[in-house]
Amino acid sequence: MHEDQQPILIGAGQFTQRDVDPTAALDPMAMMVECARRAAVDAGLTATQLSRVDTVAVVNIFGWHYGNAPALLAEELDAQPSRQLYTTVGGNTPQWLVNETAAAIASGRTRFALLAGAEAINTLMRARRAGVTVSWRAGGAGEPTVIGESRPGTTDAEVDHGLQLPTAIYPLFENALRAQYGVGLRTHQDRLGALCAALSAVAADNPYAWFRQRRTAEEIATVTPDNRLIGFPYPKYMNAIIDVDQAAAVLMTSVAGARALGVPPSRWVYLSGCADAHDHWFVSDRADYNSSPALRGVGRTALEMAGIGVDDVNYLDLYSCFPSALQIARDMLGITPDDPRPLTVTGGLPYHGGPGNNYSMHAIATMLDKVRARAGSTGLVTALGWYITKHAAGVYRTALADGAGAVWTRPDPTRLQAEVDAQPHPELAVAPQGRATIETYTVLHDRGGAPIRGIVIGRLEDGRRFLANTPDDRIVLETLMQQESVGRSGTASSNDGTNVFEPDGG
């Protein structure tokens, strides 16, 4: 590959829609069109030049179904792309799309690409509450090429015991982290408040963030009627917010393509490093709940490709749907808790907003602005899908690293995946019986803040793992939240596919 085939990002656009009458609000497609046009302006391109894209890729949309979203987006832009791509579900997909597109550009399969995504769930929810119907289109001729991993994120046994929604699963990682860190419940909650307050401060200064309010650590960590517990230890302000209207898009081409389009070098951003992998697929198969071998490998591989270490990175955006995801990313990358660098450039999913699968497109778009504004700087974006399952990373720079060759080569994802797949994990006992201990746990709450269900991942005396619920007893549930219960002993039993763990002492 000649140096001219180096893949680069040349433009980005973002859009946030607030408090518009649902009957007049833009649908996700119109929001993506707006972002594509903003990305073109960002790159210094005309509408005619934008219409020359040969690849249009759209991140999977939760809130509204289009027959062929990339085809409809292309039609709105008067484009006729040869490749119309639509991703499967996963918050990793924006960064994964950038990595895939860069490889396609480097190999000559793609010349000029538009990547976009959007959600308008806030408008849909407000319309439902108001009893009105939105008149949004659902077109797009033909069928897109669907790309990405399509396996479900959970097993039937996990769902049967309450491990289904992110609000139930990410607290399991959090309680395991607290036990690993060896701190008390109150100390850890205070640390989470401080961690999240730092994200909130970034969101407050981000014009595209959904919540521009700067929340204090105490406000975030303290349970109140407005900040009710959802899955212990997370009150509402620590949870990703999907109830937003947000869109983002980026444009990618090669160095030669940018020159042909007349894009000045000051707008070029190189993808200097990238990597992708997934952990053992299901939560019940993980090696433990305080680490991510896949994310560790993805970070190492992307940084090695870029020829730098994590301490050389100026700007970070670590995927932050919940505090556990952010802490595991920080730990796997070798970033210390007292590192002065902000862990986000957007504000993270609880404060910037989490538009379905597309949050990281906003992180990438914001990262382009950050590294362009500081000559020679470097940015790192990580993204994940499902439950700390699918991972992608990208290293962004405004210039090639010293000594970088003319050939851009993406590390073979299958090699890293084989390394992760070889990691051992405990055997799962489908119908556990006997003495056992808690490996991690959470307590789910209703909308009024009352505890309603205890979820336990535990170990039998022979080392096998099991899934269970606790007895439906308010005292048991309250005790789990008042005392450190990782490592707590009890008895596991199973009846007709439902497993129960009863802690010693009730």
Protein backbone atom coordinates (compact mmCIF):
# COMPACT_ATOMS: atom_id res chain seq x y z
CA MET A 1 0.00 0.00 0.00
CA HIS A 2 1.33 3.40 -0.95
CA GLU A 3 1.41 6.12 1.69
CA ASP A 4 -1.43 7.84 -0.16
CA GLN A 5 -3.72 4.97 0.89
CA GLN A 6 -3.36 5.79 4.59
CA PRO A 7 -6.94 5.90 5.99
CA ILE A 8 -7.94 9.17 7.65
CA LEU A 9 -10.99 10.87 9.11
CA ILE A 10 -11.69 14.24 7.52
CA GLY A 11 -14.95 15.49 9.00
CA ALA A 12 -17.45 15.00 11.80
CA GLY A 13 -20.87 16.33 12.70
CA GLN A 14 -23.08 16.08 15.79
CA PHE A 15 -26.67 17.07 16.52
CA THR A 16 -28.78 17.13 19.69
CA GLN A 17 -32.52 17.81 19.57
CA ARG A 18 -34.19 19.06 22.74
CA ASP A 19 -37.79 19.83 23.73
CA VAL A 20 -39.25 19.92 20.22
CA ASP A 21 -42.96 19.25 19.76
CA PRO A 22 -43.03 15.52 18.88
CA THR A 23 -45.15 16.20 15.80
CA ALA A 24 -42.47 18.59 14.50
CA ALA A 25 -39.35 16.78 15.70
CA LEU A 26 -36.77 15.42 13.28
CA ASP A 27 -36.72 11.66 12.90
CA PRO A 28 -33.41 9.78 13.23
CA MET A 29 -32.92 9.85 9.46
CA ALA A 30 -33.26 13.63 9.26
CA MET A 31 -30.87 13.94 12.18
CA MET A 32 -28.29 11.77 10.37
CA VAL A 33 -28.69 13.85 7.22
CA GLU A 34 -28.00 16.97 9.26
CA CYS A 35 -24.90 15.38 10.79
CA ALA A 36 -23.62 14.23 7.40
CA ARG A 37 -23.93 17.77 6.07
CA ARG A 38 -22.21 19.16 9.16
CA ALA A 39 -19.40 16.63 8.68
CA ALA A 40 -19.02 17.82 5.09
CA VAL A 41 -18.80 21.44 6.22
CA ASP A 42 -16.27 20.38 8.86
CA ALA A 43 -14.12 18.86 6.09
CA GLY A 44 -14.61 21.86 3.80
CA LEU A 45 -16.67 19.90 1.27
CA THR A 46 -19.68 20.87 -0.82
CA ALA A 47 -22.93 18.93 -0.97
CA THR A 48 -21.92 17.70 -4.40
CA GLN A 49 -18.66 16.33 -3.05
CA LEU A 50 -20.50 14.67 -0.16
CA SER A 51 -22.75 12.89 -2.66
CA ARG A 52 -19.70 11.05 -4.00
CA VAL A 53 -19.45 8.70 -1.02
CA ASP A 54 -19.15 5.11 -2.17
CA THR A 55 -19.90 3.62 1.26
CA VAL A 56 -22.71 4.56 3.62
CA ALA A 57 -22.78 2.72 6.96
CA VAL A 58 -25.45 3.22 9.63
CA VAL A 59 -25.24 2.12 13.25
CA ASN A 60 -28.17 -0.04 14.36
CA ILE A 61 -31.12 2.12 15.43
CA PHE A 62 -33.21 1.06 18.43
CA GLY A 63 -36.10 3.48 18.34
CA TRP A 64 -37.29 3.44 14.73
CA HIS A 65 -37.18 0.92 11.90
CA TYR A 66 -36.24 1.86 8.36
CA GLY A 67 -36.45 -0.68 5.58
CA ASN A 68 -32.92 0.20 4.45
CA ALA A 69 -31.47 2.99 6.54
CA PRO A 70 -28.18 3.44 4.61
CA ALA A 71 -30.03 3.51 1.28
CA LEU A 72 -32.46 6.13 2.56
CA LEU A 73 -29.61 8.21 3.98
CA ALA A 74 -27.80 8.02 0.64
CA GLU A 75 -30.97 9.02 -1.20
CA GLU A 76 -31.36 12.08 1.00
CA LEU A 77 -27.81 13.11 0.12
CA ASP A 78 -28.18 12.37 -3.63
CA ALA A 79 -25.51 9.69 -3.28
CA GLN A 80 -25.29 6.32 -4.99
CA PRO A 81 -22.93 4.25 -2.84
CA SER A 82 -21.88 0.79 -3.93
CA ARG A 83 -21.78 -0.35 -0.30
CA GLN A 84 -24.82 0.07 2.01
CA LEU A 85 -24.00 -1.27 5.47
CA TYR A 86 -26.10 -1.62 8.61
CA THR A 87 -24.67 -2.89 11.87
CA THR A 88 -25.99 -5.34 14.39
CA VAL A 89 -26.58 -4.26 18.00
CA GLY A 90 -23.62 -3.10 20.09
CA GLY A 91 -22.15 0.04 21.59
CA ASN A 92 -18.82 -1.09 20.17
CA THR A 93 -20.05 -0.69 16.59
CA PRO A 94 -19.15 2.98 15.91
CA GLN A 95 -15.47 2.40 16.72
CA TRP A 96 -15.56 -1.05 15.11
CA LEU A 97 -17.02 0.59 11.97
CA VAL A 98 -14.15 3.06 11.88
CA ASN A 99 -11.68 0.19 12.17
CA GLU A 100 -13.43 -1.83 9.46
CA THR A 101 -13.71 1.17 7.15
CA ALA A 102 -10.05 2.06 7.62
CA ALA A 103 -9.10 -1.47 6.56
CA ALA A 104 -11.39 -1.21 3.52
CA ILE A 105 -9.81 2.12 2.53
CA ALA A 106 -6.28 0.78 2.97
CA SER A 107 -7.07 -2.20 0.74
CA GLY A 108 -8.79 -0.10 -1.92
CA ARG A 109 -12.28 -1.55 -1.35
CA THR A 110 -13.59 1.84 -0.22
CA ARG A 111 -12.66 5.32 -1.40
CA PHE A 112 -14.92 7.68 0.54
CA ALA A 113 -17.22 6.63 3.42
CA LEU A 114 -19.94 8.14 5.56
CA LEU A 115 -20.58 6.53 8.96
CA ALA A 116 -23.64 7.72 10.88
CA GLY A 117 -26.08 6.87 13.64
CA ALA A 118 -28.96 8.46 15.51
CA GLU A 119 -31.72 7.93 18.06
CA ALA A 120 -34.83 9.97 18.84
CA ILE A 121 -36.10 7.95 21.79
CA ASN A 122 -36.85 11.04 23.86
CA THR A 123 -39.26 12.29 21.21
CA LEU A 124 -40.89 8.88 20.89
CA MET A 125 -41.37 8.61 24.64
CA ARG A 126 -42.82 12.11 24.89
CA ALA A 127 -45.14 11.36 21.98
CA ARG A 128 -46.35 8.20 23.71
CA ARG A 129 -47.00 10.04 26.97
CA ALA A 130 -48.90 12.75 25.08
CA GLY A 131 -50.93 10.21 23.12
CA VAL A 132 -49.76 11.49 19.73
CA THR A 133 -48.39 9.59 16.74
CA VAL A 134 -45.24 10.66 14.91
CA SER A 135 -45.42 10.54 11.11
CA TRP A 136 -41.92 9.38 10.34
CA ARG A 137 -40.85 7.58 7.20
CA ALA A 138 -39.86 3.94 7.10
CA GLY A 139 -38.39 3.65 3.61
CA GLY A 140 -35.14 2.78 1.91
CA ALA A 141 -35.26 0.52 -1.12
CA GLY A 142 -33.69 -2.92 -1.05
CA GLU A 143 -31.82 -4.58 1.77
CA PRO A 144 -28.60 -3.33 3.38
CA THR A 145 -25.64 -5.56 4.03
CA VAL A 146 -25.86 -6.36 7.74
CA ILE A 147 -22.46 -6.51 9.42
CA GLY A 148 -21.31 -7.36 12.92
CA GLU A 149 -21.89 -10.05 15.53
CA SER A 150 -25.57 -11.02 15.84
CA ARG A 151 -25.50 -13.46 18.78
CA PRO A 152 -27.83 -12.59 21.68
CA GLY A 153 -26.09 -11.14 24.70
CA THR A 154 -27.61 -13.42 27.34
CA THR A 155 -28.53 -17.05 27.93
CA ASP A 156 -31.99 -18.27 28.90
CA ALA A 157 -30.69 -19.16 32.36
CA GLU A 158 -29.29 -15.66 32.83
CA VAL A 159 -32.60 -14.08 31.82
CA ASP A 160 -34.53 -16.45 34.09
CA HIS A 161 -32.52 -15.19 37.08
CA GLY A 162 -32.76 -11.49 36.18
CA LEU A 163 -29.53 -10.99 34.23
CA GLN A 164 -31.04 -9.31 31.20
CA LEU A 165 -31.01 -5.53 31.27
CA PRO A 166 -27.80 -3.50 31.60
CA THR A 167 -29.22 -1.92 34.77
CA ALA A 168 -29.21 -5.39 36.36
CA ILE A 169 -25.90 -6.70 35.02
CA TYR A 170 -23.43 -3.82 35.36
CA PRO A 171 -23.97 -3.58 39.15
CA LEU A 172 -22.69 -7.17 39.37
CA PHE A 173 -19.36 -5.98 38.01
CA GLU A 174 -19.39 -3.02 40.39
CA ASN A 175 -19.79 -5.07 43.54
CA ALA A 176 -17.01 -7.39 42.39
CA LEU A 177 -14.76 -4.38 41.80
CA ARG A 178 -15.45 -3.01 45.27
CA ALA A 179 -14.44 -6.32 46.82
CA GLN A 180 -11.29 -6.43 44.70
CA TYR A 181 -10.36 -2.88 45.74
CA GLY A 182 -10.86 -3.88 49.37
CA VAL A 183 -12.81 -0.81 50.46
CA GLY A 184 -16.02 -0.45 52.44
CA LEU A 185 -19.44 0.24 50.98
CA ARG A 186 -19.52 3.91 52.01
CA THR A 187 -15.98 4.63 50.84
CA HIS A 188 -16.63 2.99 47.52
CA GLN A 189 -19.88 4.87 47.01
CA ASP A 190 -18.07 8.13 47.66
CA ARG A 191 -15.43 7.16 45.10
CA LEU A 192 -18.14 6.42 42.54
CA GLY A 193 -19.66 9.82 43.20
CA ALA A 194 -16.32 11.52 42.55
CA LEU A 195 -15.71 9.43 39.43
CA CYS A 196 -19.10 10.37 38.00
CA ALA A 197 -18.87 14.01 39.03
CA ALA A 198 -15.78 14.31 36.84
CA LEU A 199 -17.82 13.03 33.88
CA SER A 200 -20.64 15.41 34.68
CA ALA A 201 -18.22 18.35 34.66
CA VAL A 202 -17.15 17.49 31.11
CA ALA A 203 -20.77 17.15 29.97
CA ALA A 204 -21.60 20.54 31.44
CA ASP A 205 -19.14 22.14 29.00
CA ASN A 206 -20.21 20.04 25.99
CA PRO A 207 -22.84 21.78 23.83
CA TYR A 208 -24.07 18.42 22.51
CA ALA A 209 -24.50 16.80 25.95
CA TRP A 210 -28.02 15.98 27.05
CA PHE A 211 -27.47 17.06 30.65
CA ARG A 212 -25.53 20.32 30.92
CA GLN A 213 -25.97 20.41 34.71
CA ARG A 214 -22.77 20.01 36.73
CA ARG A 215 -23.59 17.52 39.51
CA THR A 216 -21.50 17.14 42.66
CA ALA A 217 -20.08 13.86 43.89
CA GLU A 218 -22.40 13.94 46.90
CA GLU A 219 -25.45 14.61 44.73
CA ILE A 220 -24.64 11.68 42.47
CA ALA A 221 -23.83 9.21 45.25
CA THR A 222 -26.71 10.06 47.61
CA VAL A 223 -29.98 8.17 47.23
CA THR A 224 -33.01 10.49 47.13
CA PRO A 225 -36.51 10.25 45.64
CA ASP A 226 -35.14 11.87 42.47
CA ASN A 227 -32.01 9.71 42.54
CA ARG A 228 -33.55 6.37 43.46
CA LEU A 229 -31.61 3.12 43.61
CA ILE A 230 -32.01 1.02 40.48
CA GLY A 231 -29.51 -1.83 40.82
CA PHE A 232 -27.41 -1.70 44.00
CA PRO A 233 -25.09 0.18 44.35
CA TYR A 234 -26.18 2.43 41.47
CA PRO A 235 -28.69 5.24 41.97
CA LYS A 236 -30.25 6.74 38.86
CA TYR A 237 -27.53 9.35 38.26
CA MET A 238 -24.94 6.59 37.72
CA ASN A 239 -26.90 4.91 34.91
CA ALA A 240 -26.60 5.47 31.17
CA ILE A 241 -29.51 7.51 29.78
CA ILE A 242 -31.01 6.26 26.51
CA ASP A 243 -33.94 8.70 26.62
CA VAL A 244 -32.24 11.21 24.30
CA ASP A 245 -32.40 12.62 20.75
CA GLN A 246 -28.82 12.62 19.45
CA ALA A 247 -26.98 11.89 16.20
CA ALA A 248 -23.40 11.90 14.96
CA ALA A 249 -21.53 11.12 11.74
CA VAL A 250 -17.96 10.99 10.46
CA LEU A 251 -16.40 11.00 6.99
CA MET A 252 -13.43 8.80 6.10
CA THR A 253 -11.17 8.54 3.07
CA SER A 254 -7.49 8.07 2.22
CA VAL A 255 -4.74 10.66 2.10
CA ALA A 256 -5.00 10.55 -1.71
CA GLY A 257 -8.78 10.85 -1.50
CA ALA A 258 -8.54 13.86 0.79
CA ARG A 259 -6.17 15.57 -1.61
CA ALA A 260 -8.48 14.87 -4.55
CA LEU A 261 -11.40 16.34 -2.61
CA GLY A 262 -9.36 19.38 -1.62
CA VAL A 263 -9.54 18.71 2.12
CA PRO A 264 -6.68 20.62 3.77
CA PRO A 265 -4.22 18.62 5.91
CA SER A 266 -5.32 20.62 8.95
CA ARG A 267 -8.57 18.59 8.88
CA TRP A 268 -6.91 15.17 8.58
CA VAL A 269 -6.92 12.82 11.55
CA TYR A 270 -5.13 9.49 11.28
CA LEU A 271 -6.38 6.27 12.83
CA SER A 272 -2.92 5.35 14.08
CA GLY A 273 -3.96 2.27 15.99
CA CYS A 274 -7.01 0.06 16.34
CA ALA A 275 -8.13 -3.32 17.64
CA ASP A 276 -11.25 -5.41 18.30
CA ALA A 277 -12.08 -8.46 20.41
CA HIS A 278 -14.76 -9.87 22.70
CA ASP A 279 -14.60 -11.51 26.09
CA HIS A 280 -16.10 -14.93 26.82
CA TRP A 281 -19.48 -14.16 25.35
CA PHE A 282 -21.94 -14.70 28.18
CA VAL A 283 -21.68 -13.05 31.57
CA SER A 284 -21.93 -16.41 33.34
CA ASP A 285 -18.83 -17.61 31.46
CA ARG A 286 -16.46 -14.80 32.47
CA ALA A 287 -13.20 -15.55 34.23
CA ASP A 288 -14.15 -13.01 36.90
CA TYR A 289 -16.16 -9.80 37.26
CA ASN A 290 -13.43 -7.25 37.88
CA SER A 291 -11.44 -7.54 34.65
CA SER A 292 -11.71 -7.84 30.88
CA PRO A 293 -9.00 -9.84 29.12
CA ALA A 294 -10.39 -8.73 25.76
CA LEU A 295 -10.26 -5.04 26.61
CA ARG A 296 -6.76 -5.42 28.03
CA GLY A 297 -5.67 -7.01 24.75
CA VAL A 298 -7.54 -4.47 22.61
CA GLY A 299 -5.90 -1.55 24.39
CA ARG A 300 -2.45 -3.11 24.21
CA THR A 301 -2.82 -3.95 20.50
CA ALA A 302 -4.14 -0.54 19.47
CA LEU A 303 -1.44 1.34 21.36
CA GLU A 304 1.32 -0.92 20.03
CA MET A 305 0.06 -0.34 16.48
CA ALA A 306 0.27 3.41 17.13
CA GLY A 307 3.75 3.03 18.62
CA ILE A 308 2.88 4.67 21.93
CA GLY A 309 2.03 3.82 25.51
CA VAL A 310 -1.09 4.83 27.38
CA ASP A 311 0.85 7.55 29.22
CA ASP A 312 1.50 9.21 25.84
CA VAL A 313 -2.23 9.69 25.17
CA ASN A 314 -3.46 13.25 25.67
CA TYR A 315 -7.21 12.69 25.45
CA LEU A 316 -9.31 9.73 26.53
CA ASP A 317 -12.86 8.62 26.01
CA LEU A 318 -13.39 5.34 27.82
CA TYR A 319 -16.84 3.85 27.37
CA SER A 320 -18.79 4.79 30.46
CA CYS A 321 -22.33 3.41 30.37
CA PHE A 322 -21.95 2.56 34.06
CA PRO A 323 -19.11 3.21 36.52
CA SER A 324 -18.00 -0.44 36.42
CA ALA A 325 -17.37 -0.26 32.68
CA LEU A 326 -15.31 2.89 33.13
CA GLN A 327 -13.23 1.48 36.00
CA ILE A 328 -12.54 -1.80 34.22
CA ALA A 329 -11.44 0.09 31.10
CA ARG A 330 -9.19 2.32 33.21
CA ASP A 331 -7.69 -0.67 35.01
CA MET A 332 -7.19 -2.78 31.88
CA LEU A 333 -5.40 0.10 30.13
CA GLY A 334 -3.07 0.64 33.09
CA ILE A 335 -4.41 4.08 34.00
CA THR A 336 -4.16 4.79 37.73
CA PRO A 337 -7.17 6.12 39.68
CA ASP A 338 -5.30 9.37 40.43
CA ASP A 339 -4.37 10.04 36.79
CA PRO A 340 -5.19 13.73 36.14
CA ARG A 341 -6.49 13.17 32.61
CA PRO A 342 -10.30 13.25 32.24
CA LEU A 343 -11.58 9.81 31.24
CA THR A 344 -14.05 11.28 28.74
CA VAL A 345 -14.18 14.06 26.17
CA THR A 346 -17.99 14.02 25.92
CA GLY A 347 -19.26 13.51 29.47
CA GLY A 348 -20.11 9.80 29.21
CA LEU A 349 -23.41 8.03 28.73
CA PRO A 350 -25.06 9.08 32.03
CA TYR A 351 -24.51 12.81 31.34
CA HIS A 352 -23.73 13.30 27.66
CA GLY A 353 -26.45 10.75 26.94
CA GLY A 354 -26.34 7.27 25.48
CA PRO A 355 -28.12 7.26 22.10
CA GLY A 356 -28.52 3.51 21.76
CA ASN A 357 -25.55 1.98 19.99
CA ASN A 358 -24.19 5.29 18.69
CA TYR A 359 -22.59 6.97 21.72
CA SER A 360 -19.03 6.31 20.59
CA MET A 361 -19.64 8.07 17.28
CA HIS A 362 -20.03 11.20 19.41
CA ALA A 363 -16.81 10.35 21.24
CA ILE A 364 -14.97 9.98 17.93
CA ALA A 365 -16.43 13.21 16.54
CA THR A 366 -15.44 15.10 19.67
CA MET A 367 -11.99 13.50 19.66
CA LEU A 368 -11.37 14.85 16.15
CA ASP A 369 -11.94 18.37 17.45
CA LYS A 370 -9.67 17.75 20.44
CA VAL A 371 -6.64 16.45 18.57
CA ARG A 372 -6.97 18.98 15.74
CA ALA A 373 -6.89 21.82 18.26
CA ARG A 374 -3.58 20.66 19.76
CA ALA A 375 -0.81 19.94 17.30
CA GLY A 376 0.85 16.58 17.79
CA SER A 377 -1.70 15.33 20.31
CA THR A 378 -3.19 11.85 20.55
CA GLY A 379 -6.62 10.59 21.53
CA LEU A 380 -7.84 7.13 22.53
CA VAL A 381 -11.47 5.98 22.24
CA THR A 382 -12.72 2.67 23.62
CA ALA A 383 -16.18 1.27 22.95
CA LEU A 384 -18.07 -1.76 24.18
CA GLY A 385 -21.18 -3.72 23.40
CA TRP A 386 -23.52 -5.85 25.47
CA TYR A 387 -22.17 -6.39 29.01
CA ILE A 388 -18.45 -5.62 28.89
CA THR A 389 -18.55 -8.17 26.08
CA LYS A 390 -17.56 -6.68 22.69
CA HIS A 391 -14.67 -4.20 22.61
CA ALA A 392 -13.14 -1.84 20.07
CA ALA A 393 -10.47 0.85 20.37
CA GLY A 394 -9.03 3.54 18.16
CA VAL A 395 -6.00 5.83 18.50
CA TYR A 396 -6.38 9.20 16.79
CA ARG A 397 -3.54 11.54 15.75
CA THR A 398 -3.12 14.52 13.45
CA ALA A 399 0.17 13.22 12.07
CA LEU A 400 1.80 9.88 11.46
CA ALA A 401 4.02 8.71 14.28
CA ASP A 402 7.76 9.22 13.89
CA GLY A 403 9.19 6.35 11.93
CA ALA A 404 5.77 5.10 10.81
CA GLY A 405 5.97 3.28 7.52
CA ALA A 406 3.92 3.83 4.43
CA VAL A 407 1.83 0.72 5.04
CA TRP A 408 -1.24 0.87 7.27
CA THR A 409 -1.95 -2.64 8.54
CA ARG A 410 -4.73 -3.48 10.93
CA PRO A 411 -3.72 -6.18 13.41
CA ASP A 412 -5.47 -9.45 12.60
CA PRO A 413 -8.48 -9.54 14.98
CA THR A 414 -8.55 -13.34 14.91
CA ARG A 415 -5.16 -13.63 16.61
CA LEU A 416 -6.18 -11.50 19.58
CA GLN A 417 -9.53 -13.25 19.75
CA ALA A 418 -7.84 -16.65 19.91
CA GLU A 419 -5.70 -15.37 22.79
CA VAL A 420 -8.80 -14.25 24.70
CA ASP A 421 -10.77 -17.40 23.91
CA ALA A 422 -7.98 -19.50 25.45
CA GLN A 423 -8.49 -17.88 28.85
CA PRO A 424 -9.96 -20.38 31.37
CA HIS A 425 -13.28 -19.81 33.09
CA PRO A 426 -15.29 -21.70 35.73
CA GLU A 427 -17.73 -24.45 34.84
CA LEU A 428 -21.37 -23.42 35.30
CA ALA A 429 -23.58 -25.54 37.55
CA VAL A 430 -27.08 -25.42 36.04
CA ALA A 431 -28.83 -26.81 39.13
CA PRO A 432 -26.60 -26.03 42.13
CA GLN A 433 -27.03 -27.80 45.44
CA GLY A 434 -25.11 -27.36 48.66
CA ARG A 435 -22.83 -24.96 50.48
CA ALA A 436 -21.70 -21.96 48.50
CA THR A 437 -20.37 -18.40 48.62
CA ILE A 438 -21.27 -15.20 46.79
CA GLU A 439 -18.89 -14.25 43.97
CA THR A 440 -20.84 -11.08 43.20
CA TYR A 441 -24.40 -9.84 43.57
CA THR A 442 -26.87 -6.98 43.22
CA VAL A 443 -30.31 -5.99 44.46
CA LEU A 444 -32.83 -4.64 41.96
CA HIS A 445 -35.37 -1.95 42.90
CA ASP A 446 -38.78 -0.92 41.65
CA ARG A 447 -39.58 2.56 40.35
CA GLY A 448 -40.43 3.63 43.87
CA GLY A 449 -36.98 2.67 45.09
CA ALA A 450 -38.02 -0.45 47.01
CA PRO A 451 -35.81 -3.57 46.81
CA ILE A 452 -37.54 -6.34 44.86
CA ARG A 453 -35.00 -8.95 43.73
CA GLY A 454 -31.60 -10.20 44.77
CA ILE A 455 -29.32 -11.62 42.08
CA VAL A 456 -26.33 -13.75 43.01
CA ILE A 457 -23.47 -15.20 41.01
CA GLY A 458 -21.83 -17.68 43.33
CA ARG A 459 -19.42 -20.57 43.70
CA LEU A 460 -20.06 -24.02 45.05
CA GLU A 461 -17.44 -25.68 47.25
CA ASP A 462 -16.12 -27.58 44.20
CA GLY A 463 -15.42 -24.27 42.40
CA ARG A 464 -18.31 -24.43 39.97
CA ARG A 465 -20.19 -21.18 39.35
CA PHE A 466 -23.97 -20.79 39.57
CA LEU A 467 -26.68 -18.20 39.03
CA ALA A 468 -29.38 -17.68 41.64
CA ASN A 469 -31.84 -15.34 43.24
CA THR A 470 -32.14 -14.73 46.96
CA PRO A 471 -35.32 -15.42 48.92
CA ASP A 472 -37.98 -12.76 48.48
CA ASP A 473 -37.33 -11.35 51.92
CA ARG A 474 -36.93 -7.64 52.64
CA ILE A 475 -34.47 -8.26 55.49
CA VAL A 476 -32.23 -10.40 53.24
CA LEU A 477 -32.25 -7.75 50.53
CA GLU A 478 -31.54 -4.91 52.96
CA THR A 479 -28.69 -6.85 54.55
CA LEU A 480 -27.03 -7.39 51.15
CA MET A 481 -26.93 -3.62 50.73
CA GLN A 482 -25.80 -2.81 54.26
CA GLN A 483 -22.95 -5.32 54.59
CA GLU A 484 -20.23 -6.40 52.20
CA SER A 485 -21.64 -9.65 50.83
CA VAL A 486 -19.02 -10.75 48.32
CA GLY A 487 -17.63 -13.91 49.90
CA ARG A 488 -20.65 -14.39 52.13
CA SER A 489 -21.57 -18.03 52.81
CA GLY A 490 -24.91 -19.71 52.36
CA THR A 491 -26.76 -22.57 50.73
CA ALA A 492 -27.67 -22.98 47.08
CA SER A 493 -30.63 -25.04 45.89
CA SER A 494 -32.53 -25.56 42.66
CA ASN A 495 -36.15 -26.28 41.88
CA ASP A 496 -37.55 -26.57 38.32
CA GLY A 497 -34.84 -24.40 36.81
CA THR A 498 -34.99 -21.66 39.44
CA ASN A 499 -31.94 -21.44 41.67
CA VAL A 500 -32.01 -19.90 45.13
CA PHE A 501 -29.13 -18.78 47.34
CA GLU A 502 -30.01 -18.35 50.99
CA PRO A 503 -27.33 -16.46 52.91
CA ASP A 504 -26.33 -17.71 56.34
CA GLY A 505 -28.06 -15.76 59.06
CA GLY A 506 -31.07 -14.91 56.88
